[in-house]
C-alpha atoms as a PDB file:
ATOM      1  CA  MET A   1    -117.937-142.573  78.910  1.00  0.00           C
ATOM      2  CA  PRO A   2    -117.852-140.494  81.985  1.00  0.00           C
ATOM      3  CA  PRO A   3    -116.891-136.247  80.826  1.00  0.00           C
ATOM      4  CA  ARG A   4    -113.210-135.746  80.632  1.00  0.00           C
ATOM      5  CA  ILE A   5    -111.641-134.658  83.630  1.00  0.00           C
ATOM      6  CA  GLU A   6    -110.096-130.894  82.923  1.00  0.00           C
ATOM      7  CA  GLN A   7    -108.293-130.303  86.352  1.00  0.00           C
ATOM      8  CA  ASP A   8    -106.147-132.512  87.989  1.00  0.00           C
ATOM      9  CA  PRO A   9    -107.523-132.563  91.634  1.00  0.00           C
ATOM     10  CA  THR A  10    -104.217-133.316  93.356  1.00  0.00           C
ATOM     11  CA  ASN A  11    -103.359-129.888  94.893  1.00  0.00           C
ATOM     12  CA  ASP A  12    -107.271-129.588  95.971  1.00  0.00           C
ATOM     13  CA  THR A  13    -107.334-128.418  99.875  1.00  0.00           C
ATOM     14  CA  CYS A  14    -110.543-129.459 101.997  1.00  0.00           C
ATOM     15  CA  PRO A  15    -112.201-126.467 102.605  1.00  0.00           C
ATOM     16  CA  ASN A  16    -111.974-124.839 106.430  1.00  0.00           C
ATOM     17  CA  TYR A  17    -115.566-125.279 107.226  1.00  0.00           C
ATOM     18  CA  ARG A  18    -115.970-123.088 110.313  1.00  0.00           C
ATOM     19  CA  GLU A  19    -115.877-119.865 108.508  1.00  0.00           C
ATOM     20  CA  ASP A  20    -118.664-118.173 107.982  1.00  0.00           C
ATOM     21  CA  GLU A  21    -119.576-118.942 104.894  1.00  0.00           C
ATOM     22  CA  TYR A  22    -120.123-122.529 105.826  1.00  0.00           C
ATOM     23  CA  GLU A  23    -122.411-121.358 108.212  1.00  0.00           C
ATOM     24  CA  PRO A  24    -125.312-122.674 106.487  1.00  0.00           C
ATOM     25  CA  MET A  25    -123.881-125.960 105.954  1.00  0.00           C
ATOM     26  CA  ARG A  26    -123.063-126.728 109.633  1.00  0.00           C
ATOM     27  CA  VAL A  27    -126.561-125.974 110.571  1.00  0.00           C
ATOM     28  CA  VAL A  28    -128.125-128.378 108.325  1.00  0.00           C
ATOM     29  CA  PHE A  29    -125.243-131.100 109.915  1.00  0.00           C
ATOM     30  CA  MET A  30    -126.136-130.038 113.307  1.00  0.00           C
ATOM     31  CA  ARG A  31    -129.700-130.145 112.842  1.00  0.00           C
ATOM     32  CA  ALA A  32    -129.688-133.925 110.805  1.00  0.00           C
ATOM     33  CA  GLY A  33    -128.237-134.883 114.241  1.00  0.00           C
ATOM     34  CA  GLY A  34    -125.722-137.879 114.136  1.00  0.00           C
ATOM     35  CA  GLN A  35    -126.231-141.930 113.752  1.00  0.00           C
ATOM     36  CA  ASP A  36    -127.926-141.669 117.568  1.00  0.00           C
ATOM     37  CA  GLY A  37    -130.160-139.377 116.032  1.00  0.00           C
ATOM     38  CA  GLN A  38    -129.193-136.479 118.405  1.00  0.00           C
ATOM     39  CA  GLU A  39    -128.242-133.448 117.375  1.00  0.00           C
ATOM     40  CA  LEU A  40    -124.524-132.630 116.531  1.00  0.00           C
ATOM     41  CA  THR A  41    -122.452-130.581 117.809  1.00  0.00           C
ATOM     42  CA  GLU A  42    -120.757-127.434 115.357  1.00  0.00           C
ATOM     43  CA  ASP A  43    -117.192-129.214 115.819  1.00  0.00           C
ATOM     44  CA  ALA A  44    -118.819-132.840 115.107  1.00  0.00           C
ATOM     45  CA  ALA A  45    -120.924-130.686 112.264  1.00  0.00           C
ATOM     46  CA  VAL A  46    -117.426-129.550 110.961  1.00  0.00           C
ATOM     47  CA  GLU A  47    -115.304-132.910 111.286  1.00  0.00           C
ATOM     48  CA  ARG A  48    -118.464-134.479 109.334  1.00  0.00           C
ATOM     49  CA  LEU A  49    -118.323-132.201 106.873  1.00  0.00           C
ATOM     50  CA  GLY A  50    -114.234-132.154 106.306  1.00  0.00           C
ATOM     51  CA  GLN A  51    -115.107-136.307 106.121  1.00  0.00           C
ATOM     52  CA  ILE A  52    -117.322-135.945 103.263  1.00  0.00           C
ATOM     53  CA  TRP A  53    -114.977-133.704 101.242  1.00  0.00           C
ATOM     54  CA  GLN A  54    -112.273-136.307 101.681  1.00  0.00           C
ATOM     55  CA  GLU A  55    -114.066-138.888 100.519  1.00  0.00           C
ATOM     56  CA  SER A  56    -115.503-137.596  97.401  1.00  0.00           C
ATOM     57  CA  HIS A  57    -111.580-136.379  96.923  1.00  0.00           C
ATOM     58  CA  GLN A  58    -110.222-139.306  96.558  1.00  0.00           C
ATOM     59  CA  ARG A  59    -113.061-140.606  94.338  1.00  0.00           C
ATOM     60  CA  LYS A  60    -111.385-137.092  91.722  1.00  0.00           C
ATOM     61  CA  LEU A  61    -108.230-138.407  92.732  1.00  0.00           C
ATOM     62  CA  GLU A  62    -109.062-142.234  91.467  1.00  0.00           C
ATOM     63  CA  ALA A  63    -110.943-141.047  88.510  1.00  0.00           C
ATOM     64  CA  TRP A  64    -107.717-138.633  87.438  1.00  0.00           C
ATOM     65  CA  ARG A  65    -105.823-141.255  87.448  1.00  0.00           C
ATOM     66  CA  VAL A  66    -107.530-143.518  85.511  1.00  0.00           C
ATOM     67  CA  GLN A  67    -107.866-141.017  82.727  1.00  0.00           C
ATOM     68  CA  VAL A  68    -104.542-140.443  83.029  1.00  0.00           C
ATOM     69  CA  GLU A  69    -103.515-143.596  82.347  1.00  0.00           C
ATOM     70  CA  ALA A  70    -105.889-144.189  79.347  1.00  0.00           C
ATOM     71  CA  GLU A  71    -104.576-141.178  77.863  1.00  0.00           C
ATOM     72  CA  GLU A  72    -100.783-142.204  77.795  1.00  0.00           C
ATOM     73  CA  GLN A  73    -102.194-145.799  76.871  1.00  0.00           C
ATOM     74  CA  GLU A  74    -104.054-144.495  73.665  1.00  0.00           C
ATOM     75  CA  ARG A  75    -100.464-142.004  73.442  1.00  0.00           C
ATOM     76  CA  ARG A  76     -98.491-144.925  73.135  1.00  0.00           C
ATOM     77  CA  GLN A  77    -101.178-147.054  70.537  1.00  0.00           C
ATOM     78  CA  GLN A  78    -100.514-144.083  68.649  1.00  0.00           C
ATOM     79  CA  GLU A  79     -96.958-143.798  68.655  1.00  0.00           C
ATOM     80  CA  GLU A  80     -96.876-147.663  67.792  1.00  0.00           C
ATOM     81  CA  VAL A  81     -98.756-147.593  65.167  1.00  0.00           C
ATOM     82  CA  GLU A  82     -97.026-144.743  63.266  1.00  0.00           C
ATOM     83  CA  ARG A  83     -94.060-146.260  64.090  1.00  0.00           C
ATOM     84  CA  GLN A  84     -95.250-148.961  62.410  1.00  0.00           C
ATOM     85  CA  ARG A  85     -96.666-146.702  59.200  1.00  0.00           C
ATOM     86  CA  GLU A  86     -92.494-145.303  59.073  1.00  0.00           C
ATOM     87  CA  GLU A  87     -91.307-149.181  58.813  1.00  0.00           C
ATOM     88  CA  GLU A  88     -93.358-149.932  56.191  1.00  0.00           C
ATOM     89  CA  GLU A  89     -92.692-146.976  54.802  1.00  0.00           C
ATOM     90  CA  ARG A  90     -89.004-147.456  54.894  1.00  0.00           C
ATOM     91  CA  GLN A  91     -89.244-151.116  54.114  1.00  0.00           C
ATOM     92  CA  ARG A  92     -91.337-150.444  50.659  1.00  0.00           C
ATOM     93  CA  GLN A  93     -88.656-148.140  49.726  1.00  0.00           C
ATOM     94  CA  GLU A  94     -85.798-149.882  50.475  1.00  0.00           C
ATOM     95  CA  GLU A  95     -87.370-152.946  48.462  1.00  0.00           C
ATOM     96  CA  GLU A  96     -88.037-150.803  45.518  1.00  0.00           C
ATOM     97  CA  ARG A  97     -83.926-149.111  45.815  1.00  0.00           C
ATOM     98  CA  ARG A  98     -83.187-153.325  45.882  1.00  0.00           C
ATOM     99  CA  ARG A  99     -85.548-153.913  42.964  1.00  0.00           C
ATOM    100  CA  GLN A 100     -83.750-151.022  40.586  1.00  0.00           C
ATOM    101  CA  GLU A 101     -80.489-151.894  41.650  1.00  0.00           C
ATOM    102  CA  GLU A 102     -81.376-155.649  40.490  1.00  0.00           C
ATOM    103  CA  GLU A 103     -82.789-154.350  37.196  1.00  0.00           C
ATOM    104  CA  ALA A 104     -79.840-152.001  36.407  1.00  0.00           C
ATOM    105  CA  GLU A 105     -77.616-155.454  37.177  1.00  0.00           C
ATOM    106  CA  ARG A 106     -79.195-157.153  35.036  1.00  0.00           C
ATOM    107  CA  GLU A 107     -79.579-154.847  32.176  1.00  0.00           C
ATOM    108  CA  GLU A 108     -75.906-153.979  32.954  1.00  0.00           C
ATOM    109  CA  GLU A 109     -74.618-157.921  32.226  1.00  0.00           C
ATOM    110  CA  ARG A 110     -77.590-158.050  29.354  1.00  0.00           C
ATOM    111  CA  ILE A 111     -75.169-154.933  27.493  1.00  0.00           C
ATOM    112  CA  GLY A 112     -72.240-156.501  29.424  1.00  0.00           C
ATOM    113  CA  GLY A 113     -72.872-160.434  27.680  1.00  0.00           C
ATOM    114  CA  ARG A 114     -73.625-159.525  24.419  1.00  0.00           C
ATOM    115  CA  SER A 115     -70.109-157.388  24.393  1.00  0.00           C
ATOM    116  CA  ARG A 116     -68.533-159.738  25.740  1.00  0.00           C
ATOM    117  CA  LYS A 117     -69.213-162.504  23.077  1.00  0.00           C
ATOM    118  CA  LEU A 118     -66.086-162.560  21.316  1.00  0.00           C
ATOM    119  CA  LYS A 119     -66.363-163.485  17.176  1.00  0.00           C
ATOM    120  CA  PRO A 120     -63.003-164.888  15.419  1.00  0.00           C
ATOM    121  CA  ILE A 121     -60.948-163.113  14.131  1.00  0.00           C
ATOM    122  CA  LYS A 122     -60.459-163.695  10.153  1.00  0.00           C
ATOM    123  CA  PHE A 123     -57.539-162.037   8.153  1.00  0.00           C
ATOM    124  CA  ALA A 124     -57.692-160.805   4.856  1.00  0.00           C
ATOM    125  CA  GLN A 125     -54.186-161.377   3.848  1.00  0.00           C
ATOM    126  CA  ASP A 126     -54.491-159.682   0.797  1.00  0.00           C
ATOM    127  CA  ARG A 127     -56.166-156.542   1.400  1.00  0.00           C
ATOM    128  CA  LEU A 128     -54.477-153.356   1.439  1.00  0.00           C
ATOM    129  CA  VAL A 129     -54.651-151.283   4.847  1.00  0.00           C
ATOM    130  CA  SER A 130     -55.783-147.586   4.143  1.00  0.00           C
ATOM    131  CA  THR A 131     -53.563-144.393   4.282  1.00  0.00           C
ATOM    132  CA  HIS A 132     -56.778-142.550   5.004  1.00  0.00           C
ATOM    133  CA  ILE A 133     -57.830-141.601   8.171  1.00  0.00           C
ATOM    134  CA  ILE A 134     -61.261-141.936   8.591  1.00  0.00           C
ATOM    135  CA  ASN A 135     -63.268-139.112  10.828  1.00  0.00           C
ATOM    136  CA  ARG A 136     -65.433-140.743  13.934  1.00  0.00           C
ATOM    137  CA  PRO A 137     -68.362-138.534  15.232  1.00  0.00           C
ATOM    138  CA  SER A 138     -69.363-138.819  18.755  1.00  0.00           C
ATOM    139  CA  PRO A 139     -71.780-141.529  19.555  1.00  0.00           C
ATOM    140  CA  TYR A 140     -74.392-138.693  20.442  1.00  0.00           C
ATOM    141  CA  ALA A 141     -74.490-137.831  16.842  1.00  0.00           C
ATOM    142  CA  VAL A 142     -74.578-141.324  15.615  1.00  0.00           C
ATOM    143  CA  ASN A 143     -77.574-141.726  18.038  1.00  0.00           C
ATOM    144  CA  LYS A 144     -79.207-138.554  16.724  1.00  0.00           C
ATOM    145  CA  LEU A 145     -78.958-139.789  12.642  1.00  0.00           C
ATOM    146  CA  LYS A 146     -80.297-143.223  14.023  1.00  0.00           C
ATOM    147  CA  THR A 147     -83.581-141.429  15.556  1.00  0.00           C
ATOM    148  CA  ARG A 148     -83.083-139.302  12.747  1.00  0.00           C
ATOM    149  CA  ALA A 149     -83.180-135.841  15.039  1.00  0.00           C
ATOM    150  CA  TYR A 150     -81.646-133.033  14.127  1.00  0.00           C
ATOM    151  CA  VAL A 151     -77.930-132.487  15.213  1.00  0.00           C
ATOM    152  CA  GLU A 152     -75.370-129.930  13.984  1.00  0.00           C
ATOM    153  CA  ILE A 153     -73.488-131.037  11.284  1.00  0.00           C
ATOM    154  CA  ASP A 154     -70.215-129.532  13.473  1.00  0.00           C
ATOM    155  CA  TYR A 155     -70.368-132.754  14.697  1.00  0.00           C
ATOM    156  CA  PHE A 156     -69.389-134.617  11.683  1.00  0.00           C
ATOM    157  CA  SER A 157     -66.508-131.667  11.162  1.00  0.00           C
ATOM    158  CA  LYS A 158     -62.685-132.572  11.079  1.00  0.00           C
ATOM    159  CA  ARG A 159     -62.951-130.291  14.263  1.00  0.00           C
ATOM    160  CA  GLY A 160     -66.290-132.337  15.980  1.00  0.00           C
ATOM    161  CA  CYS A 161     -64.579-135.360  15.054  1.00  0.00           C
ATOM    162  CA  ALA A 162     -61.149-134.564  17.474  1.00  0.00           C
ATOM    163  CA  LEU A 163     -63.072-133.475  19.878  1.00  0.00           C
ATOM    164  CA  ALA A 164     -65.182-136.614  19.804  1.00  0.00           C
ATOM    165  CA  ALA A 165     -61.777-138.809  20.276  1.00  0.00           C
ATOM    166  CA  LYS A 166     -61.122-137.083  23.198  1.00  0.00           C
ATOM    167  CA  GLU A 167     -64.125-137.514  25.218  1.00  0.00           C
ATOM    168  CA  PRO A 168     -63.384-141.567  26.027  1.00  0.00           C
ATOM    169  CA  LEU A 169     -60.522-140.401  27.883  1.00  0.00           C
ATOM    170  CA  LYS A 170     -63.032-137.994  30.535  1.00  0.00           C
ATOM    171  CA  GLY A 171     -65.202-141.159  31.903  1.00  0.00           C
ATOM    172  CA  SER A 172     -65.883-144.739  31.217  1.00  0.00           C
ATOM    173  CA  ASN A 173     -67.921-145.698  27.530  1.00  0.00           C
ATOM    174  CA  ASP A 174     -69.568-148.388  29.978  1.00  0.00           C
ATOM    175  CA  ALA A 175     -71.962-146.047  31.832  1.00  0.00           C
ATOM    176  CA  LEU A 176     -75.439-146.535  31.315  1.00  0.00           C
ATOM    177  CA  GLY A 177     -78.108-143.789  31.712  1.00  0.00           C
ATOM    178  CA  LEU A 178     -81.823-144.006  31.282  1.00  0.00           C
ATOM    179  CA  THR A 179     -83.642-143.225  28.190  1.00  0.00           C
ATOM    180  CA  GLN A 180     -87.067-141.452  28.024  1.00  0.00           C
ATOM    181  CA  VAL A 181     -89.963-140.890  25.808  1.00  0.00           C
ATOM    182  CA  ASN A 182     -92.528-138.443  26.503  1.00  0.00           C
ATOM    183  CA  GLY A 183     -91.519-138.687  30.566  1.00  0.00           C
ATOM    184  CA  SER A 184     -91.548-142.738  30.774  1.00  0.00           C
ATOM    185  CA  VAL A 185     -88.568-144.924  31.189  1.00  0.00           C
ATOM    186  CA  ILE A 186     -88.094-147.184  28.240  1.00  0.00           C
ATOM    187  CA  GLY A 187     -84.619-148.629  29.318  1.00  0.00           C
ATOM    188  CA  PHE A 188     -81.100-148.137  29.581  1.00  0.00           C
ATOM    189  CA  GLN A 189     -78.504-146.601  27.410  1.00  0.00           C
ATOM    190  CA  PRO A 190     -74.987-145.792  27.169  1.00  0.00           C
ATOM    191  CA  ILE A 191     -74.215-142.321  28.652  1.00  0.00           C
ATOM    192  CA  SER A 192     -71.803-141.130  25.865  1.00  0.00           C
ATOM    193  CA  THR A 193     -75.386-141.693  22.956  1.00  0.00           C
ATOM    194  CA  LEU A 194     -76.801-139.021  25.415  1.00  0.00           C
ATOM    195  CA  ARG A 195     -74.304-136.421  26.092  1.00  0.00           C
ATOM    196  CA  PRO A 196     -74.107-133.623  23.763  1.00  0.00           C
ATOM    197  CA  LEU A 197     -70.223-132.463  23.277  1.00  0.00           C
ATOM    198  CA  LYS A 198     -69.205-129.088  24.334  1.00  0.00           C
ATOM    199  CA  ASP A 199     -68.137-126.120  22.249  1.00  0.00           C
ATOM    200  CA  ILE A 200     -69.647-127.180  19.254  1.00  0.00           C
ATOM    201  CA  ARG A 201     -70.845-124.729  16.887  1.00  0.00           C
ATOM    202  CA  GLN A 202     -74.241-123.967  15.572  1.00  0.00           C
ATOM    203  CA  ASP A 203     -74.368-124.352  11.973  1.00  0.00           C
ATOM    204  CA  GLU A 204     -74.367-120.910  10.843  1.00  0.00           C
ATOM    205  CA  GLU A 205     -70.884-120.558  12.223  1.00  0.00           C
ATOM    206  CA  LEU A 206     -69.393-123.257   9.944  1.00  0.00           C
ATOM    207  CA  THR A 207     -67.375-122.037   6.946  1.00  0.00           C
ATOM    208  CA  TRP A 208     -68.449-123.416   2.995  1.00  0.00           C
ATOM    209  CA  ASP A 209     -65.496-125.211   3.144  1.00  0.00           C
ATOM    210  CA  GLU A 210     -66.160-126.886   6.933  1.00  0.00           C
ATOM    211  CA  VAL A 211     -69.640-127.810   5.692  1.00  0.00           C
ATOM    212  CA  GLY A 212     -68.436-129.396   2.484  1.00  0.00           C
ATOM    213  CA  GLN A 213     -66.319-131.483   4.421  1.00  0.00           C
ATOM    214  CA  ALA A 214     -68.730-132.488   6.995  1.00  0.00           C
ATOM    215  CA  ARG A 215     -71.197-133.352   4.622  1.00  0.00           C
ATOM    216  CA  HIS A 216     -69.451-136.593   3.599  1.00  0.00           C
ATOM    217  CA  THR A 217     -68.759-137.784   7.268  1.00  0.00           C
ATOM    218  CA  MET A 218     -72.646-137.507   7.715  1.00  0.00           C
ATOM    219  CA  ILE A 219     -73.470-138.833   4.634  1.00  0.00           C
ATOM    220  CA  ARG A 220     -71.338-141.882   4.841  1.00  0.00           C
ATOM    221  CA  GLN A 221     -72.463-142.452   8.697  1.00  0.00           C
ATOM    222  CA  MET A 222     -76.020-142.426   7.571  1.00  0.00           C
ATOM    223  CA  MET A 223     -75.204-145.388   5.156  1.00  0.00           C
ATOM    224  CA  THR A 224     -73.445-147.504   7.521  1.00  0.00           C
ATOM    225  CA  LEU A 225     -76.807-147.118   9.535  1.00  0.00           C
ATOM    226  CA  GLY A 226     -78.326-148.816   7.086  1.00  0.00           C
ATOM    227  CA  GLU A 227     -81.408-148.725   4.845  1.00  0.00           C
ATOM    228  CA  GLY A 228     -83.907-149.386   7.195  1.00  0.00           C
ATOM    229  CA  VAL A 229     -83.093-146.011   9.183  1.00  0.00           C
ATOM    230  CA  TRP A 230     -81.748-143.947   6.053  1.00  0.00           C
ATOM    231  CA  PRO A 231     -83.150-145.182   2.757  1.00  0.00           C
ATOM    232  CA  THR A 232     -81.532-144.364  -0.690  1.00  0.00           C
ATOM    233  CA  GLU A 233     -84.136-142.213  -1.415  1.00  0.00           C
ATOM    234  CA  ALA A 234     -83.085-140.346   1.430  1.00  0.00           C
ATOM    235  CA  LEU A 235     -79.519-140.028   0.982  1.00  0.00           C
ATOM    236  CA  GLN A 236     -79.804-139.325  -2.390  1.00  0.00           C
ATOM    237  CA  MET A 237     -82.037-136.299  -1.244  1.00  0.00           C
ATOM    238  CA  MET A 238     -79.220-135.081   1.659  1.00  0.00           C
ATOM    239  CA  VAL A 239     -76.519-135.307  -1.288  1.00  0.00           C
ATOM    240  CA  ASP A 240     -78.500-133.104  -3.544  1.00  0.00           C
ATOM    241  CA  PHE A 241     -79.117-130.572  -1.041  1.00  0.00           C
ATOM    242  CA  TYR A 242     -75.844-130.090  -0.046  1.00  0.00           C
ATOM    243  CA  SER A 243     -74.387-130.205  -3.187  1.00  0.00           C
ATOM    244  CA  ARG A 244     -77.089-127.370  -4.439  1.00  0.00           C
ATOM    245  CA  GLY A 245     -76.107-125.377  -1.554  1.00  0.00           C
ATOM    246  CA  LEU A 246     -72.258-125.654  -1.790  1.00  0.00           C
ATOM    247  CA  ARG A 247     -72.510-125.110  -5.868  1.00  0.00           C
ATOM    248  CA  ARG A 248     -74.183-121.886  -4.871  1.00  0.00           C
ATOM    249  CA  GLY A 249     -71.763-120.713  -2.418  1.00  0.00           C
ATOM    250  CA  GLY A 250     -69.232-122.716  -2.635  1.00  0.00           C
ATOM    251  CA  PRO A 251     -66.550-124.540  -1.036  1.00  0.00           C
ATOM    252  CA  GLY A 252     -63.988-121.213   0.017  1.00  0.00           C
ATOM    253  CA  HIS A 253     -66.312-118.808  -1.277  1.00  0.00           C
ATOM    254  CA  VAL A 254     -66.492-115.508   0.363  1.00  0.00           C
ATOM    255  CA  SER A 255     -68.474-112.817  -1.608  1.00  0.00           C
ATOM    256  CA  SER A 256     -69.474-111.019   1.686  1.00  0.00           C
ATOM    257  CA  LYS A 257     -68.972-111.750   5.651  1.00  0.00           C
ATOM    258  CA  SER A 258     -72.351-113.376   6.019  1.00  0.00           C
ATOM    259  CA  GLU A 259     -71.479-116.150   3.225  1.00  0.00           C
ATOM    260  CA  GLU A 260     -68.411-117.175   4.893  1.00  0.00           C
ATOM    261  CA  ARG A 261     -70.174-117.755   8.119  1.00  0.00           C
ATOM    262  CA  VAL A 262     -73.763-118.559   7.722  1.00  0.00           C
ATOM    263  CA  VAL A 263     -74.942-121.775   6.169  1.00  0.00           C
ATOM    264  CA  ARG A 264     -78.714-120.797   5.922  1.00  0.00           C
ATOM    265  CA  GLY A 265     -81.618-120.670   3.192  1.00  0.00           C
ATOM    266  CA  LEU A 266     -80.901-123.762   1.157  1.00  0.00           C
ATOM    267  CA  ASP A 267     -83.444-125.115  -1.052  1.00  0.00           C
END
């Protein structure tokens, strides 16, 4: 590969070979003579030097043109390679987006299909309708119990259940979210089971009366989840746990300001 031409020769001009600095060159050409072997005049030597420069200049112009075209072709090839790479990346991202959407749709159809399988209605004509309103904790609190994770007892108080009753009005219960364990996605789950309620109080902010009421709702919900989640021994332990605490403080018992607001130190 010839060396790269660094300067554009297009604007180069032929030297004035009549100047004194070119006299040695003129003398050489004059003595060399022409094709007939006779010595050249000074004018003929100047003309011959100009012809030689023009021939060299034309060769330089051609070499420059070839170099410019080659570099332009290489630039276009690099741009095409980059364009193809970007297009492949765009297609890959688009395929991944479609795959995730299809996966979400299939999961939603699977969950929705289960809920749409209606069971036949069976009436128990001799059964009395209860006049007692059962407190229903939020799906978030139930999910915490299902996974045996810590959850504030205020979720099971009358106040917490009232907040949960208002929550469905804020959005659709069918919305799904991704459930993660150690950063890995393992599936979809209703957002209502992943979103905590606002304004839930910490355990130490409840009075003993509120703890005594809330524990019934919580233990009843544990029993509903079944033996596989909360064995009988665990339920009995929870009953004993709160019974000892309530006997110590007692519902409505207020011997000091801290005992009224703090639920701690249960054995």
